[in-house]
Amino acid sequence: MPAESVQAYLAALPDDRRALVQAIRAAILAALPPGYEEGIQYGMIGYYVPHSLFPAGYHCDPKQPLPFAGLASQKGYVSLHLPCLYMSAERSERFALAWQATGKKLDMGKGCVRIKSLDAVPLAVIGAMVASIAVSDFVADYQRGLSARKSPAKNAK
């Protein structure tokens, strides 16, 4: 059964994994701009734009608030999901370069970073990325991305 609160999610983790998740969570919370909220979303700790600020919600499931980031304990690693990077190749590249500049190896897919240990994660890079994306900018990027996907000119190509 999925956790119904962040505290329940954390309590269900083994001690070593809890420490890693809590460290990343603390970095995110310390940097999270005003307007975003934390809760459980899609079975993980989520950071999102609440319906009170963006009533339309997430296009895939409008009942869900717009996802900004997520943090989940997987079988062999902790995953940091970063939908906030999907919409901006420039932002994603800046994040990757900042991570790599720390000398730590970046294990990242399109928008999910796989983290195996606390010493492998530059928490300051995560915090800086989170802090750099105001809710209004994120929503505007999201809406531009949706418009581009629906554009007849793009679909005709």
C-alpha atoms as a PDB file:
ATOM      1  CA  MET A   1       0.000   0.000   0.000  1.00  0.00           C
ATOM      2  CA  PRO A   2       1.456   3.377  -0.985  1.00  0.00           C
ATOM      3  CA  ALA A   3       2.318   5.860   1.741  1.00  0.00           C
ATOM      4  CA  GLU A   4      -0.268   8.555   2.367  1.00  0.00           C
ATOM      5  CA  SER A   5       2.166  11.139   3.758  1.00  0.00           C
ATOM      6  CA  VAL A   6       5.799  12.108   3.407  1.00  0.00           C
ATOM      7  CA  GLN A   7       6.434  11.061   6.999  1.00  0.00           C
ATOM      8  CA  ALA A   8       4.893   7.625   6.370  1.00  0.00           C
ATOM      9  CA  TYR A   9       6.984   7.275   3.188  1.00  0.00           C
ATOM     10  CA  LEU A  10      10.178   8.067   5.091  1.00  0.00           C
ATOM     11  CA  ALA A  11       9.273   5.804   8.021  1.00  0.00           C
ATOM     12  CA  ALA A  12       8.871   2.843   5.666  1.00  0.00           C
ATOM     13  CA  LEU A  13      12.436   3.142   4.317  1.00  0.00           C
ATOM     14  CA  PRO A  14      15.437   1.211   5.647  1.00  0.00           C
ATOM     15  CA  ASP A  15      17.748   3.425   7.735  1.00  0.00           C
ATOM     16  CA  ASP A  16      20.483   3.817   5.102  1.00  0.00           C
ATOM     17  CA  ARG A  17      18.032   4.682   2.345  1.00  0.00           C
ATOM     18  CA  ARG A  18      16.080   7.022   4.639  1.00  0.00           C
ATOM     19  CA  ALA A  19      19.252   8.995   5.358  1.00  0.00           C
ATOM     20  CA  LEU A  20      19.912   9.464   1.633  1.00  0.00           C
ATOM     21  CA  VAL A  21      16.322  10.459   0.841  1.00  0.00           C
ATOM     22  CA  GLN A  22      16.199  12.838   3.808  1.00  0.00           C
ATOM     23  CA  ALA A  23      19.413  14.565   2.745  1.00  0.00           C
ATOM     24  CA  ILE A  24      18.156  15.147  -0.790  1.00  0.00           C
ATOM     25  CA  ARG A  25      14.753  16.186   0.540  1.00  0.00           C
ATOM     26  CA  ALA A  26      16.372  18.717   2.892  1.00  0.00           C
ATOM     27  CA  ALA A  27      18.315  20.242  -0.024  1.00  0.00           C
ATOM     28  CA  ILE A  28      15.135  20.536  -2.060  1.00  0.00           C
ATOM     29  CA  LEU A  29      13.053  21.996   0.768  1.00  0.00           C
ATOM     30  CA  ALA A  30      15.744  24.539   1.677  1.00  0.00           C
ATOM     31  CA  ALA A  31      15.776  25.829  -1.909  1.00  0.00           C
ATOM     32  CA  LEU A  32      12.147  25.374  -2.985  1.00  0.00           C
ATOM     33  CA  PRO A  33      10.743  28.698  -4.205  1.00  0.00           C
ATOM     34  CA  PRO A  34       7.438  29.946  -2.798  1.00  0.00           C
ATOM     35  CA  GLY A  35       4.322  28.377  -4.283  1.00  0.00           C
ATOM     36  CA  TYR A  36       5.459  24.795  -4.684  1.00  0.00           C
ATOM     37  CA  GLU A  37       4.158  22.199  -2.246  1.00  0.00           C
ATOM     38  CA  GLU A  38       5.460  18.859  -1.015  1.00  0.00           C
ATOM     39  CA  GLY A  39       3.353  15.730  -0.677  1.00  0.00           C
ATOM     40  CA  ILE A  40       2.918  12.232  -2.013  1.00  0.00           C
ATOM     41  CA  GLN A  41       2.419  12.106  -5.759  1.00  0.00           C
ATOM     42  CA  TYR A  42       2.612   9.030  -7.961  1.00  0.00           C
ATOM     43  CA  GLY A  43       3.720   6.917  -4.986  1.00  0.00           C
ATOM     44  CA  MET A  44       6.768   9.040  -4.180  1.00  0.00           C
ATOM     45  CA  ILE A  45       7.630  12.287  -2.443  1.00  0.00           C
ATOM     46  CA  GLY A  46       6.527  14.951  -4.876  1.00  0.00           C
ATOM     47  CA  TYR A  47       7.046  18.665  -5.291  1.00  0.00           C
ATOM     48  CA  TYR A  48       4.359  20.296  -7.375  1.00  0.00           C
ATOM     49  CA  VAL A  49       2.376  23.369  -8.328  1.00  0.00           C
ATOM     50  CA  PRO A  50      -0.894  23.088  -6.396  1.00  0.00           C
ATOM     51  CA  HIS A  51      -4.278  23.438  -8.076  1.00  0.00           C
ATOM     52  CA  SER A  52      -4.759  26.718  -6.190  1.00  0.00           C
ATOM     53  CA  LEU A  53      -2.003  28.212  -8.402  1.00  0.00           C
ATOM     54  CA  PHE A  54      -2.567  26.152 -11.550  1.00  0.00           C
ATOM     55  CA  PRO A  55      -6.154  24.849 -11.586  1.00  0.00           C
ATOM     56  CA  ALA A  56      -5.726  22.922 -14.854  1.00  0.00           C
ATOM     57  CA  GLY A  57      -3.373  20.458 -13.167  1.00  0.00           C
ATOM     58  CA  TYR A  58      -1.216  17.965 -15.026  1.00  0.00           C
ATOM     59  CA  HIS A  59      -2.420  17.340 -18.596  1.00  0.00           C
ATOM     60  CA  CYS A  60      -1.984  13.557 -18.262  1.00  0.00           C
ATOM     61  CA  ASP A  61      -4.218  13.547 -15.168  1.00  0.00           C
ATOM     62  CA  PRO A  62      -5.821  16.929 -14.395  1.00  0.00           C
ATOM     63  CA  LYS A  63      -6.761  15.695 -10.906  1.00  0.00           C
ATOM     64  CA  GLN A  64      -3.025  15.733 -10.134  1.00  0.00           C
ATOM     65  CA  PRO A  65      -1.220  18.995  -9.441  1.00  0.00           C
ATOM     66  CA  LEU A  66       1.503  19.906 -11.929  1.00  0.00           C
ATOM     67  CA  PRO A  67       4.636  17.850 -11.015  1.00  0.00           C
ATOM     68  CA  PHE A  68       7.870  19.798 -10.554  1.00  0.00           C
ATOM     69  CA  ALA A  69      10.127  17.122  -9.022  1.00  0.00           C
ATOM     70  CA  GLY A  70       9.869  13.751  -7.299  1.00  0.00           C
ATOM     71  CA  LEU A  71      12.009  11.689  -4.981  1.00  0.00           C
ATOM     72  CA  ALA A  72      11.657   7.912  -4.778  1.00  0.00           C
ATOM     73  CA  SER A  73      13.449   4.965  -3.261  1.00  0.00           C
ATOM     74  CA  GLN A  74      13.874   2.287  -5.930  1.00  0.00           C
ATOM     75  CA  LYS A  75      15.305  -1.206  -5.604  1.00  0.00           C
ATOM     76  CA  GLY A  76      18.955  -0.260  -6.161  1.00  0.00           C
ATOM     77  CA  TYR A  77      19.038   3.527  -5.971  1.00  0.00           C
ATOM     78  CA  VAL A  78      17.151   6.696  -5.142  1.00  0.00           C
ATOM     79  CA  SER A  79      15.597   8.379  -8.142  1.00  0.00           C
ATOM     80  CA  LEU A  80      15.285  12.128  -8.398  1.00  0.00           C
ATOM     81  CA  HIS A  81      12.645  12.823 -11.056  1.00  0.00           C
ATOM     82  CA  LEU A  82      12.980  16.246 -12.616  1.00  0.00           C
ATOM     83  CA  PRO A  83      10.024  17.124 -14.841  1.00  0.00           C
ATOM     84  CA  CYS A  84      11.205  20.703 -14.372  1.00  0.00           C
ATOM     85  CA  LEU A  85      14.102  19.851 -16.728  1.00  0.00           C
ATOM     86  CA  TYR A  86      12.021  18.135 -19.451  1.00  0.00           C
ATOM     87  CA  MET A  87      10.832  21.411 -20.913  1.00  0.00           C
ATOM     88  CA  SER A  88      14.168  23.160 -21.234  1.00  0.00           C
ATOM     89  CA  ALA A  89      17.159  21.620 -22.967  1.00  0.00           C
ATOM     90  CA  GLU A  90      19.220  24.623 -21.837  1.00  0.00           C
ATOM     91  CA  ARG A  91      18.192  24.156 -18.193  1.00  0.00           C
ATOM     92  CA  SER A  92      18.881  20.419 -18.384  1.00  0.00           C
ATOM     93  CA  GLU A  93      22.320  21.031 -19.888  1.00  0.00           C
ATOM     94  CA  ARG A  94      23.160  23.631 -17.209  1.00  0.00           C
ATOM     95  CA  PHE A  95      22.170  21.139 -14.505  1.00  0.00           C
ATOM     96  CA  ALA A  96      24.293  18.361 -16.036  1.00  0.00           C
ATOM     97  CA  LEU A  97      27.323  20.635 -16.434  1.00  0.00           C
ATOM     98  CA  ALA A  98      27.031  21.909 -12.853  1.00  0.00           C
ATOM     99  CA  TRP A  99      26.808  18.333 -11.554  1.00  0.00           C
ATOM    100  CA  GLN A 100      29.771  17.174 -13.618  1.00  0.00           C
ATOM    101  CA  ALA A 101      31.814  20.204 -12.521  1.00  0.00           C
ATOM    102  CA  THR A 102      31.741  18.787  -8.984  1.00  0.00           C
ATOM    103  CA  GLY A 103      33.649  15.724 -10.193  1.00  0.00           C
ATOM    104  CA  LYS A 104      30.762  13.432  -9.283  1.00  0.00           C
ATOM    105  CA  LYS A 105      29.382  11.042 -11.877  1.00  0.00           C
ATOM    106  CA  LEU A 106      25.936  11.954 -13.213  1.00  0.00           C
ATOM    107  CA  ASP A 107      23.689   8.953 -13.902  1.00  0.00           C
ATOM    108  CA  MET A 108      20.749  10.627 -15.626  1.00  0.00           C
ATOM    109  CA  GLY A 109      18.109   9.705 -18.137  1.00  0.00           C
ATOM    110  CA  LYS A 110      15.878  12.321 -19.783  1.00  0.00           C
ATOM    111  CA  GLY A 111      14.803  13.736 -16.443  1.00  0.00           C
ATOM    112  CA  CYS A 112      15.579  11.180 -13.754  1.00  0.00           C
ATOM    113  CA  VAL A 113      18.822  11.104 -11.810  1.00  0.00           C
ATOM    114  CA  ARG A 114      19.779   7.773 -10.233  1.00  0.00           C
ATOM    115  CA  ILE A 115      21.636   8.191  -6.931  1.00  0.00           C
ATOM    116  CA  LYS A 116      23.253   5.305  -5.047  1.00  0.00           C
ATOM    117  CA  SER A 117      24.937   7.072  -2.136  1.00  0.00           C
ATOM    118  CA  LEU A 118      25.082  10.403  -0.354  1.00  0.00           C
ATOM    119  CA  ASP A 119      28.725  10.971  -1.278  1.00  0.00           C
ATOM    120  CA  ALA A 120      27.748  10.639  -4.955  1.00  0.00           C
ATOM    121  CA  VAL A 121      25.305  13.550  -4.923  1.00  0.00           C
ATOM    122  CA  PRO A 122      26.201  17.257  -4.992  1.00  0.00           C
ATOM    123  CA  LEU A 123      23.326  18.541  -2.882  1.00  0.00           C
ATOM    124  CA  ALA A 124      24.225  22.161  -3.649  1.00  0.00           C
ATOM    125  CA  VAL A 125      23.680  21.541  -7.376  1.00  0.00           C
ATOM    126  CA  ILE A 126      20.222  20.124  -6.711  1.00  0.00           C
ATOM    127  CA  GLY A 127      19.405  23.055  -4.457  1.00  0.00           C
ATOM    128  CA  ALA A 128      20.639  25.624  -6.966  1.00  0.00           C
ATOM    129  CA  MET A 129      18.578  24.072  -9.756  1.00  0.00           C
ATOM    130  CA  VAL A 130      15.431  23.958  -7.621  1.00  0.00           C
ATOM    131  CA  ALA A 131      15.946  27.545  -6.428  1.00  0.00           C
ATOM    132  CA  SER A 132      16.373  28.798  -9.987  1.00  0.00           C
ATOM    133  CA  ILE A 133      12.868  27.866 -11.180  1.00  0.00           C
ATOM    134  CA  ALA A 134      10.076  30.113  -9.938  1.00  0.00           C
ATOM    135  CA  VAL A 135       6.555  28.701 -10.111  1.00  0.00           C
ATOM    136  CA  SER A 136       5.529  31.271 -12.722  1.00  0.00           C
ATOM    137  CA  ASP A 137       8.493  30.340 -14.965  1.00  0.00           C
ATOM    138  CA  PHE A 138       7.803  26.626 -14.590  1.00  0.00           C
ATOM    139  CA  VAL A 139       4.109  27.010 -15.441  1.00  0.00           C
ATOM    140  CA  ALA A 140       4.956  29.202 -18.445  1.00  0.00           C
ATOM    141  CA  ASP A 141       7.479  26.608 -19.711  1.00  0.00           C
ATOM    142  CA  TYR A 142       4.914  23.859 -19.214  1.00  0.00           C
ATOM    143  CA  GLN A 143       2.206  25.752 -21.109  1.00  0.00           C
ATOM    144  CA  ARG A 144       4.617  26.559 -23.976  1.00  0.00           C
ATOM    145  CA  GLY A 145       5.529  22.891 -24.164  1.00  0.00           C
ATOM    146  CA  LEU A 146       1.882  21.843 -24.327  1.00  0.00           C
ATOM    147  CA  SER A 147       1.164  24.403 -27.040  1.00  0.00           C
ATOM    148  CA  ALA A 148       4.116  23.177 -29.089  1.00  0.00           C
ATOM    149  CA  ARG A 149       2.887  19.582 -28.824  1.00  0.00           C
ATOM    150  CA  LYS A 150      -0.574  20.593 -30.036  1.00  0.00           C
ATOM    151  CA  SER A 151       0.666  22.873 -32.836  1.00  0.00           C
ATOM    152  CA  PRO A 152      -0.606  21.698 -36.242  1.00  0.00           C
ATOM    153  CA  ALA A 153       2.630  22.907 -37.868  1.00  0.00           C
ATOM    154  CA  LYS A 154       4.699  20.659 -35.613  1.00  0.00           C
ATOM    155  CA  ASN A 155       2.381  17.689 -36.054  1.00  0.00           C
ATOM    156  CA  ALA A 156       2.478  18.084 -39.857  1.00  0.00           C
ATOM    157  CA  LYS A 157       6.255  17.564 -39.969  1.00  0.00           C
END
